[in-house]
Every structure is written in C-alpha cells, then in structure tokens.
Amino acid sequence: MNKLAITKTAICHYDKKENSFVVQSSLFERCMGIAETEKEAWKIFHELLNDYYIAYLEGKLVGHEKRGRPAKGYVELHVQVKPTIKNEIASTAKELGISQGEVIEYLYHLQEIKSNLEERQGELERKFKKLNSIHKKASSVRYA
C-alpha cells in the first residue's frame, strides 16, 4: 500500500443519496471521508488514512496482514491504444506511483464523477430557471 498514491488518487464527489460529500480513492476503497462540506470530507479522509496506514504498518489492518498490495480479484484487460495514449498512461502511473491498470480505474472513477456533476449541474440550472420565471411573474404582477 502506498499512502501517497492513495492520497493522489483520492476523489471528492457529492452523493445525492447521502446528501454529503465523499472523498475516496479507488486504491483503498475502505477509507472514506464523508461530511456535509467538501473541506470537512477531505479532512476526515486524511485523518482516517493516517490511522489506517499506521494499522497497516503494524500489521493490524484486516485484509492487509502482510505488507504490499493485496490481490484484488480483478480480471485482465488487453486493449489497443495509440502510442501517445500508452505513454500518457505510463507517465501518469509513474507520477502517481500506481500501476497502469490502476490509472485506467482512476480515470473510470473520474468519468463517473464528471457524469454526476453534469447531472447535478442540470438539476441546478432547471431549479434556477424555475425560480427565475417565478420571480419574473411576481415582478410583473406587482407592476401591473
């Protein structure tokens, strides 16, 4: 387990069901910071990661009795990509201290969050338009 890689790949997103912000890394999904604000969620994530990492180093973290990456039970994926994409994936993996497969998983999670943000933005725009039309109607009634 690489604490810096976990931190670098942590992503914050808003969870509508929980009505809160969630910070989590696909490299260590058990560690989550959940709070009403993004700032607080990040703070909780870092505090928990510190505690988890100490337990990991002491061999007291369930599922991580031995140091190193545990088997994930994943399947192989063979793909054909442009050389520039392959180089970027390799570069990102090196920069983050993770495998190329983990880069792909990280990018997948980023795309999920992007979709959620676009959906949330659409909802907010619809609410804004509705409130704006109500405000215009109320203004026109006052001046009529």
N, C-alpha and C. Protein backbone atom coordinates (compact mmCIF):
# COMPACT_ATOMS: atom_id res chain seq x y z
N MET A 1 0.86 -1.17 0.00
CA MET A 1 0.00 0.00 0.00
C MET A 1 0.90 1.23 0.00
N ASN A 2 0.57 2.16 -0.83
CA ASN A 2 1.35 3.39 -0.98
C ASN A 2 0.46 4.56 -0.57
N LYS A 3 0.75 5.12 0.60
CA LYS A 3 -0.09 6.20 1.15
C LYS A 3 -0.14 7.41 0.23
N LEU A 4 0.98 7.78 -0.36
CA LEU A 4 1.00 8.94 -1.25
C LEU A 4 0.15 8.68 -2.49
N ALA A 5 0.23 7.48 -3.05
CA ALA A 5 -0.59 7.14 -4.23
C ALA A 5 -2.07 7.17 -3.88
N ILE A 6 -2.42 6.69 -2.70
CA ILE A 6 -3.82 6.71 -2.27
C ILE A 6 -4.30 8.16 -2.18
N THR A 7 -3.48 9.01 -1.59
CA THR A 7 -3.83 10.43 -1.46
C THR A 7 -3.96 11.10 -2.83
N LYS A 8 -3.03 10.82 -3.73
CA LYS A 8 -3.05 11.44 -5.06
C LYS A 8 -4.24 11.00 -5.89
N THR A 9 -4.75 9.80 -5.64
CA THR A 9 -5.87 9.30 -6.44
C THR A 9 -7.22 9.46 -5.75
N ALA A 10 -7.23 10.11 -4.59
CA ALA A 10 -8.49 10.34 -3.89
C ALA A 10 -9.31 11.37 -4.67
N ILE A 11 -10.60 11.11 -4.73
CA ILE A 11 -11.52 11.97 -5.47
C ILE A 11 -12.67 12.35 -4.55
N CYS A 12 -13.07 13.60 -4.62
CA CYS A 12 -14.21 14.07 -3.84
C CYS A 12 -15.41 14.22 -4.77
N HIS A 13 -16.54 13.70 -4.34
CA HIS A 13 -17.78 13.87 -5.11
C HIS A 13 -18.95 14.04 -4.15
N TYR A 14 -20.03 14.57 -4.68
CA TYR A 14 -21.24 14.79 -3.88
C TYR A 14 -22.16 13.58 -4.07
N ASP A 15 -22.61 13.01 -2.98
CA ASP A 15 -23.51 11.87 -3.01
C ASP A 15 -24.92 12.36 -2.69
N LYS A 16 -25.80 12.32 -3.69
CA LYS A 16 -27.17 12.83 -3.51
C LYS A 16 -27.94 12.01 -2.48
N LYS A 17 -27.75 10.70 -2.50
CA LYS A 17 -28.50 9.84 -1.57
C LYS A 17 -28.14 10.16 -0.12
N GLU A 18 -26.86 10.36 0.13
CA GLU A 18 -26.40 10.65 1.49
C GLU A 18 -26.43 12.15 1.80
N ASN A 19 -26.66 12.97 0.76
CA ASN A 19 -26.68 14.42 0.92
C ASN A 19 -25.39 14.92 1.57
N SER A 20 -24.26 14.39 1.07
CA SER A 20 -22.97 14.75 1.65
C SER A 20 -21.86 14.57 0.62
N PHE A 21 -20.69 15.09 0.97
CA PHE A 21 -19.51 14.94 0.14
C PHE A 21 -18.75 13.69 0.58
N VAL A 22 -18.20 12.97 -0.39
CA VAL A 22 -17.47 11.74 -0.11
C VAL A 22 -16.10 11.84 -0.78
N VAL A 23 -15.05 11.58 0.00
CA VAL A 23 -13.70 11.51 -0.54
C VAL A 23 -13.25 10.07 -0.41
N GLN A 24 -12.74 9.53 -1.54
CA GLN A 24 -12.36 8.12 -1.55
C GLN A 24 -11.35 7.89 -2.68
N SER A 25 -10.46 6.94 -2.48
CA SER A 25 -9.51 6.54 -3.52
C SER A 25 -9.85 5.13 -3.96
N SER A 26 -9.80 4.89 -5.27
CA SER A 26 -10.07 3.55 -5.77
C SER A 26 -8.98 2.57 -5.35
N LEU A 27 -7.84 3.09 -4.89
CA LEU A 27 -6.77 2.21 -4.42
C LEU A 27 -7.03 1.66 -3.03
N PHE A 28 -7.85 2.35 -2.25
CA PHE A 28 -8.16 1.91 -0.89
C PHE A 28 -9.57 2.34 -0.57
N GLU A 29 -10.53 1.60 -1.10
CA GLU A 29 -11.94 1.99 -1.04
C GLU A 29 -12.53 1.98 0.36
N ARG A 30 -11.88 1.28 1.29
CA ARG A 30 -12.43 1.24 2.66
C ARG A 30 -12.26 2.56 3.40
N CYS A 31 -11.36 3.39 2.96
CA CYS A 31 -11.10 4.67 3.63
C CYS A 31 -11.91 5.76 2.93
N MET A 32 -12.90 6.30 3.65
CA MET A 32 -13.76 7.34 3.07
C MET A 32 -13.94 8.48 4.05
N GLY A 33 -13.85 9.69 3.53
CA GLY A 33 -14.19 10.87 4.31
C GLY A 33 -15.58 11.32 3.86
N ILE A 34 -16.52 11.37 4.78
CA ILE A 34 -17.90 11.74 4.45
C ILE A 34 -18.32 12.88 5.37
N ALA A 35 -18.79 13.98 4.75
CA ALA A 35 -19.19 15.13 5.56
C ALA A 35 -20.11 16.04 4.76
N GLU A 36 -20.65 17.04 5.43
CA GLU A 36 -21.55 18.00 4.79
C GLU A 36 -20.82 18.94 3.85
N THR A 37 -19.54 19.20 4.12
CA THR A 37 -18.77 20.09 3.25
C THR A 37 -17.60 19.32 2.64
N GLU A 38 -17.16 19.81 1.50
CA GLU A 38 -16.03 19.18 0.82
C GLU A 38 -14.76 19.26 1.69
N LYS A 39 -14.55 20.41 2.29
CA LYS A 39 -13.36 20.62 3.13
C LYS A 39 -13.32 19.62 4.30
N GLU A 40 -14.45 19.46 4.95
CA GLU A 40 -14.53 18.54 6.09
C GLU A 40 -14.36 17.09 5.63
N ALA A 41 -14.90 16.75 4.47
CA ALA A 41 -14.75 15.38 3.95
C ALA A 41 -13.28 15.07 3.68
N TRP A 42 -12.55 16.04 3.11
CA TRP A 42 -11.11 15.83 2.88
C TRP A 42 -10.37 15.67 4.21
N LYS A 43 -10.74 16.47 5.18
CA LYS A 43 -10.08 16.40 6.50
C LYS A 43 -10.28 15.02 7.12
N ILE A 44 -11.50 14.54 7.09
CA ILE A 44 -11.82 13.22 7.65
C ILE A 44 -11.08 12.13 6.88
N PHE A 45 -11.05 12.23 5.56
CA PHE A 45 -10.35 11.24 4.75
C PHE A 45 -8.88 11.15 5.18
N HIS A 46 -8.21 12.30 5.30
CA HIS A 46 -6.79 12.30 5.66
C HIS A 46 -6.57 11.74 7.07
N GLU A 47 -7.46 12.09 8.00
CA GLU A 47 -7.34 11.56 9.37
C GLU A 47 -7.49 10.05 9.38
N LEU A 48 -8.51 9.55 8.67
CA LEU A 48 -8.72 8.10 8.62
C LEU A 48 -7.57 7.38 7.92
N LEU A 49 -7.10 7.97 6.83
CA LEU A 49 -5.99 7.35 6.10
C LEU A 49 -4.76 7.25 7.00
N ASN A 50 -4.49 8.30 7.78
CA ASN A 50 -3.36 8.23 8.71
C ASN A 50 -3.53 7.09 9.69
N ASP A 51 -4.72 6.94 10.26
CA ASP A 51 -4.99 5.86 11.21
C ASP A 51 -4.88 4.49 10.54
N TYR A 52 -5.50 4.37 9.37
CA TYR A 52 -5.44 3.10 8.63
C TYR A 52 -4.00 2.74 8.29
N TYR A 53 -3.23 3.73 7.89
CA TYR A 53 -1.87 3.45 7.45
C TYR A 53 -1.00 2.97 8.61
N ILE A 54 -1.19 3.57 9.78
CA ILE A 54 -0.46 3.11 10.97
C ILE A 54 -0.85 1.66 11.28
N ALA A 55 -2.14 1.37 11.24
CA ALA A 55 -2.60 -0.01 11.48
C ALA A 55 -2.02 -0.96 10.44
N TYR A 56 -1.93 -0.50 9.19
CA TYR A 56 -1.36 -1.31 8.12
C TYR A 56 0.12 -1.62 8.41
N LEU A 57 0.88 -0.58 8.78
CA LEU A 57 2.30 -0.77 9.06
C LEU A 57 2.53 -1.70 10.25
N GLU A 58 1.59 -1.68 11.21
CA GLU A 58 1.69 -2.54 12.39
C GLU A 58 1.14 -3.94 12.12
N GLY A 59 0.59 -4.17 10.93
CA GLY A 59 0.03 -5.48 10.60
C GLY A 59 -1.31 -5.74 11.25
N LYS A 60 -2.02 -4.68 11.63
CA LYS A 60 -3.29 -4.82 12.34
C LYS A 60 -4.50 -4.46 11.50
N LEU A 61 -4.29 -4.23 10.21
CA LEU A 61 -5.39 -3.85 9.33
C LEU A 61 -5.94 -5.11 8.67
N VAL A 62 -7.19 -5.42 8.95
CA VAL A 62 -7.82 -6.63 8.44
C VAL A 62 -7.73 -6.66 6.92
N GLY A 63 -7.27 -7.77 6.39
CA GLY A 63 -7.12 -7.92 4.94
C GLY A 63 -5.77 -7.48 4.44
N HIS A 64 -4.96 -6.88 5.33
CA HIS A 64 -3.63 -6.40 4.96
C HIS A 64 -2.61 -6.85 6.00
N GLU A 65 -2.69 -8.11 6.41
CA GLU A 65 -1.80 -8.59 7.45
C GLU A 65 -0.34 -8.56 7.00
N LYS A 66 -0.12 -8.71 5.69
CA LYS A 66 1.23 -8.63 5.14
C LYS A 66 1.34 -7.33 4.36
N ARG A 67 2.52 -6.72 4.41
CA ARG A 67 2.73 -5.50 3.63
C ARG A 67 2.69 -5.80 2.15
N GLY A 68 2.28 -4.79 1.39
CA GLY A 68 2.19 -4.94 -0.05
C GLY A 68 0.76 -4.89 -0.51
N ARG A 69 0.57 -4.92 -1.79
CA ARG A 69 -0.77 -4.86 -2.34
C ARG A 69 -1.47 -6.20 -2.21
N PRO A 70 -2.65 -6.21 -1.65
CA PRO A 70 -3.38 -7.49 -1.61
C PRO A 70 -3.93 -7.81 -3.00
N ALA A 71 -4.17 -9.08 -3.25
CA ALA A 71 -4.78 -9.48 -4.53
C ALA A 71 -6.15 -8.84 -4.60
N LYS A 72 -6.48 -8.29 -5.75
CA LYS A 72 -7.74 -7.57 -5.88
C LYS A 72 -8.85 -8.41 -6.49
N GLY A 73 -8.50 -9.54 -7.07
CA GLY A 73 -9.53 -10.35 -7.70
C GLY A 73 -10.01 -9.74 -9.01
N TYR A 74 -9.16 -8.96 -9.65
CA TYR A 74 -9.53 -8.30 -10.90
C TYR A 74 -9.30 -9.24 -12.09
N VAL A 75 -9.78 -8.85 -13.23
CA VAL A 75 -9.57 -9.60 -14.46
C VAL A 75 -8.63 -8.81 -15.36
N GLU A 76 -7.97 -9.50 -16.26
CA GLU A 76 -7.07 -8.84 -17.18
C GLU A 76 -7.85 -8.10 -18.25
N LEU A 77 -7.24 -7.03 -18.75
CA LEU A 77 -7.83 -6.24 -19.82
C LEU A 77 -6.73 -5.94 -20.83
N HIS A 78 -6.94 -6.38 -22.04
CA HIS A 78 -5.97 -6.11 -23.10
C HIS A 78 -6.62 -5.16 -24.09
N VAL A 79 -5.96 -4.05 -24.36
CA VAL A 79 -6.53 -3.04 -25.23
C VAL A 79 -5.49 -2.56 -26.25
N GLN A 80 -5.98 -2.03 -27.34
CA GLN A 80 -5.14 -1.39 -28.35
C GLN A 80 -5.38 0.11 -28.24
N VAL A 81 -4.33 0.87 -27.98
CA VAL A 81 -4.44 2.33 -27.90
C VAL A 81 -3.31 2.96 -28.71
N LYS A 82 -3.47 4.23 -29.01
CA LYS A 82 -2.42 4.97 -29.72
C LYS A 82 -1.18 5.03 -28.83
N PRO A 83 -0.01 5.06 -29.43
CA PRO A 83 1.23 5.14 -28.64
C PRO A 83 1.25 6.33 -27.68
N THR A 84 0.69 7.46 -28.10
CA THR A 84 0.69 8.64 -27.21
C THR A 84 -0.15 8.39 -25.97
N ILE A 85 -1.28 7.69 -26.15
CA ILE A 85 -2.15 7.36 -25.00
C ILE A 85 -1.41 6.41 -24.06
N LYS A 86 -0.76 5.41 -24.62
CA LYS A 86 0.01 4.44 -23.82
C LYS A 86 1.09 5.17 -23.02
N ASN A 87 1.77 6.10 -23.68
CA ASN A 87 2.82 6.86 -23.00
C ASN A 87 2.26 7.72 -21.88
N GLU A 88 1.09 8.33 -22.11
CA GLU A 88 0.45 9.16 -21.08
C GLU A 88 0.00 8.31 -19.89
N ILE A 89 -0.54 7.13 -20.18
CA ILE A 89 -0.95 6.23 -19.09
C ILE A 89 0.27 5.81 -18.27
N ALA A 90 1.35 5.46 -18.95
CA ALA A 90 2.58 5.06 -18.26
C ALA A 90 3.14 6.21 -17.44
N SER A 91 3.12 7.42 -18.02
CA SER A 91 3.62 8.60 -17.32
C SER A 91 2.78 8.90 -16.08
N THR A 92 1.47 8.81 -16.22
CA THR A 92 0.57 9.07 -15.09
C THR A 92 0.78 8.02 -14.00
N ALA A 93 0.94 6.77 -14.41
CA ALA A 93 1.18 5.70 -13.43
C ALA A 93 2.46 5.97 -12.64
N LYS A 94 3.49 6.38 -13.33
CA LYS A 94 4.76 6.68 -12.66
C LYS A 94 4.61 7.88 -11.72
N GLU A 95 3.93 8.91 -12.21
CA GLU A 95 3.73 10.13 -11.40
C GLU A 95 2.94 9.84 -10.13
N LEU A 96 1.91 9.01 -10.24
CA LEU A 96 1.06 8.71 -9.09
C LEU A 96 1.58 7.55 -8.24
N GLY A 97 2.54 6.80 -8.78
CA GLY A 97 3.08 5.65 -8.04
C GLY A 97 2.13 4.47 -8.03
N ILE A 98 1.40 4.29 -9.13
CA ILE A 98 0.43 3.20 -9.23
C ILE A 98 0.65 2.45 -10.53
N SER A 99 -0.08 1.35 -10.71
CA SER A 99 0.04 0.57 -11.94
C SER A 99 -0.77 1.22 -13.06
N GLN A 100 -0.51 0.79 -14.29
CA GLN A 100 -1.26 1.32 -15.43
C GLN A 100 -2.73 0.91 -15.35
N GLY A 101 -3.00 -0.28 -14.85
CA GLY A 101 -4.39 -0.71 -14.65
C GLY A 101 -5.11 0.17 -13.65
N GLU A 102 -4.40 0.57 -12.60
CA GLU A 102 -4.99 1.46 -11.60
C GLU A 102 -5.24 2.86 -12.17
N VAL A 103 -4.42 3.28 -13.14
CA VAL A 103 -4.67 4.56 -13.81
C VAL A 103 -5.99 4.47 -14.56
N ILE A 104 -6.21 3.37 -15.26
CA ILE A 104 -7.46 3.19 -16.00
C ILE A 104 -8.65 3.19 -15.05
N GLU A 105 -8.52 2.51 -13.92
CA GLU A 105 -9.60 2.50 -12.92
C GLU A 105 -9.85 3.91 -12.37
N TYR A 106 -8.78 4.64 -12.11
CA TYR A 106 -8.87 6.02 -11.62
C TYR A 106 -9.61 6.90 -12.64
N LEU A 107 -9.25 6.76 -13.92
CA LEU A 107 -9.90 7.55 -14.97
C LEU A 107 -11.38 7.18 -15.09
N TYR A 108 -11.70 5.92 -14.90
CA TYR A 108 -13.11 5.49 -14.92
C TYR A 108 -13.89 6.20 -13.82
N HIS A 109 -13.31 6.25 -12.61
CA HIS A 109 -13.99 6.92 -11.49
C HIS A 109 -14.13 8.42 -11.74
N LEU A 110 -13.12 9.02 -12.36
CA LEU A 110 -13.23 10.44 -12.71
C LEU A 110 -14.38 10.67 -13.69
N GLN A 111 -14.53 9.78 -14.65
CA GLN A 111 -15.62 9.91 -15.62
C GLN A 111 -16.98 9.76 -14.93
N GLU A 112 -17.09 8.83 -14.00
CA GLU A 112 -18.33 8.67 -13.22
C GLU A 112 -18.68 9.97 -12.50
N ILE A 113 -17.70 10.56 -11.86
CA ILE A 113 -17.93 11.79 -11.10
C ILE A 113 -18.28 12.93 -12.03
N LYS A 114 -17.63 12.99 -13.18
CA LYS A 114 -17.95 14.03 -14.17
C LYS A 114 -19.42 13.91 -14.59
N SER A 115 -19.88 12.70 -14.84
CA SER A 115 -21.28 12.49 -15.21
C SER A 115 -22.22 12.93 -14.10
N ASN A 116 -21.87 12.60 -12.86
CA ASN A 116 -22.69 13.02 -11.71
C ASN A 116 -22.72 14.54 -11.59
N LEU A 117 -21.58 15.18 -11.81
CA LEU A 117 -21.53 16.65 -11.74
C LEU A 117 -22.38 17.29 -12.83
N GLU A 118 -22.32 16.72 -14.03
CA GLU A 118 -23.13 17.26 -15.13
C GLU A 118 -24.62 17.10 -14.83
N GLU A 119 -24.99 15.97 -14.24
CA GLU A 119 -26.39 15.75 -13.86
C GLU A 119 -26.81 16.75 -12.79
N ARG A 120 -25.96 16.95 -11.81
CA ARG A 120 -26.26 17.90 -10.72
C ARG A 120 -26.35 19.32 -11.26
N GLN A 121 -25.45 19.67 -12.19
CA GLN A 121 -25.49 21.00 -12.80
C GLN A 121 -26.80 21.20 -13.55
N GLY A 122 -27.26 20.19 -14.28
CA GLY A 122 -28.52 20.28 -15.00
C GLY A 122 -29.69 20.50 -14.04
N GLU A 123 -29.68 19.78 -12.92
CA GLU A 123 -30.74 19.96 -11.92
C GLU A 123 -30.73 21.38 -11.37
N LEU A 124 -29.56 21.90 -11.06
CA LEU A 124 -29.46 23.26 -10.53
C LEU A 124 -29.89 24.30 -11.55
N GLU A 125 -29.54 24.09 -12.82
CA GLU A 125 -29.97 25.01 -13.87
C GLU A 125 -31.49 25.01 -14.02
N ARG A 126 -32.10 23.83 -13.93
CA ARG A 126 -33.57 23.76 -14.02
C ARG A 126 -34.21 24.48 -12.84
N LYS A 127 -33.69 24.30 -11.65
CA LYS A 127 -34.21 24.99 -10.47
C LYS A 127 -34.06 26.50 -10.61
N PHE A 128 -32.91 26.92 -11.13
CA PHE A 128 -32.66 28.35 -11.31
C PHE A 128 -33.66 28.94 -12.31
N LYS A 129 -33.88 28.25 -13.42
CA LYS A 129 -34.83 28.75 -14.42
C LYS A 129 -36.23 28.84 -13.84
N LYS A 130 -36.60 27.84 -13.04
CA LYS A 130 -37.93 27.84 -12.43
C LYS A 130 -38.07 29.02 -11.46
N LEU A 131 -37.06 29.21 -10.62
CA LEU A 131 -37.10 30.33 -9.68
C LEU A 131 -37.09 31.67 -10.41
N ASN A 132 -36.32 31.74 -11.47
CA ASN A 132 -36.25 32.97 -12.25
C ASN A 132 -37.60 33.30 -12.90
N SER A 133 -38.29 32.28 -13.42
CA SER A 133 -39.59 32.54 -14.04
C SER A 133 -40.63 32.93 -12.98
N ILE A 134 -40.55 32.32 -11.80
CA ILE A 134 -41.45 32.70 -10.71
C ILE A 134 -41.20 34.15 -10.31
N HIS A 135 -39.93 34.52 -10.22
CA HIS A 135 -39.57 35.89 -9.85
C HIS A 135 -40.08 36.88 -10.89
N LYS A 136 -39.94 36.55 -12.19
CA LYS A 136 -40.42 37.43 -13.24
C LYS A 136 -41.93 37.59 -13.19
N LYS A 137 -42.64 36.48 -12.93
CA LYS A 137 -44.10 36.55 -12.83
C LYS A 137 -44.51 37.42 -11.65
N ALA A 138 -43.82 37.25 -10.52
CA ALA A 138 -44.14 38.04 -9.35
C ALA A 138 -43.85 39.53 -9.60
N SER A 139 -42.78 39.82 -10.31
CA SER A 139 -42.46 41.22 -10.63
C SER A 139 -43.48 41.83 -11.55
N SER A 140 -43.94 41.07 -12.54
CA SER A 140 -44.92 41.61 -13.49
C SER A 140 -46.28 41.84 -12.80
N VAL A 141 -46.63 41.03 -11.82
CA VAL A 141 -47.87 41.21 -11.09
C VAL A 141 -47.81 42.48 -10.24
N ARG A 142 -46.66 42.75 -9.64
CA ARG A 142 -46.51 43.94 -8.80
C ARG A 142 -46.67 45.22 -9.61
N TYR A 143 -46.19 45.21 -10.84
CA TYR A 143 -46.22 46.43 -11.64
C TYR A 143 -47.44 46.52 -12.55
N ALA A 144 -48.30 45.56 -12.50
CA ALA A 144 -49.49 45.59 -13.38
C ALA A 144 -50.58 46.44 -12.81
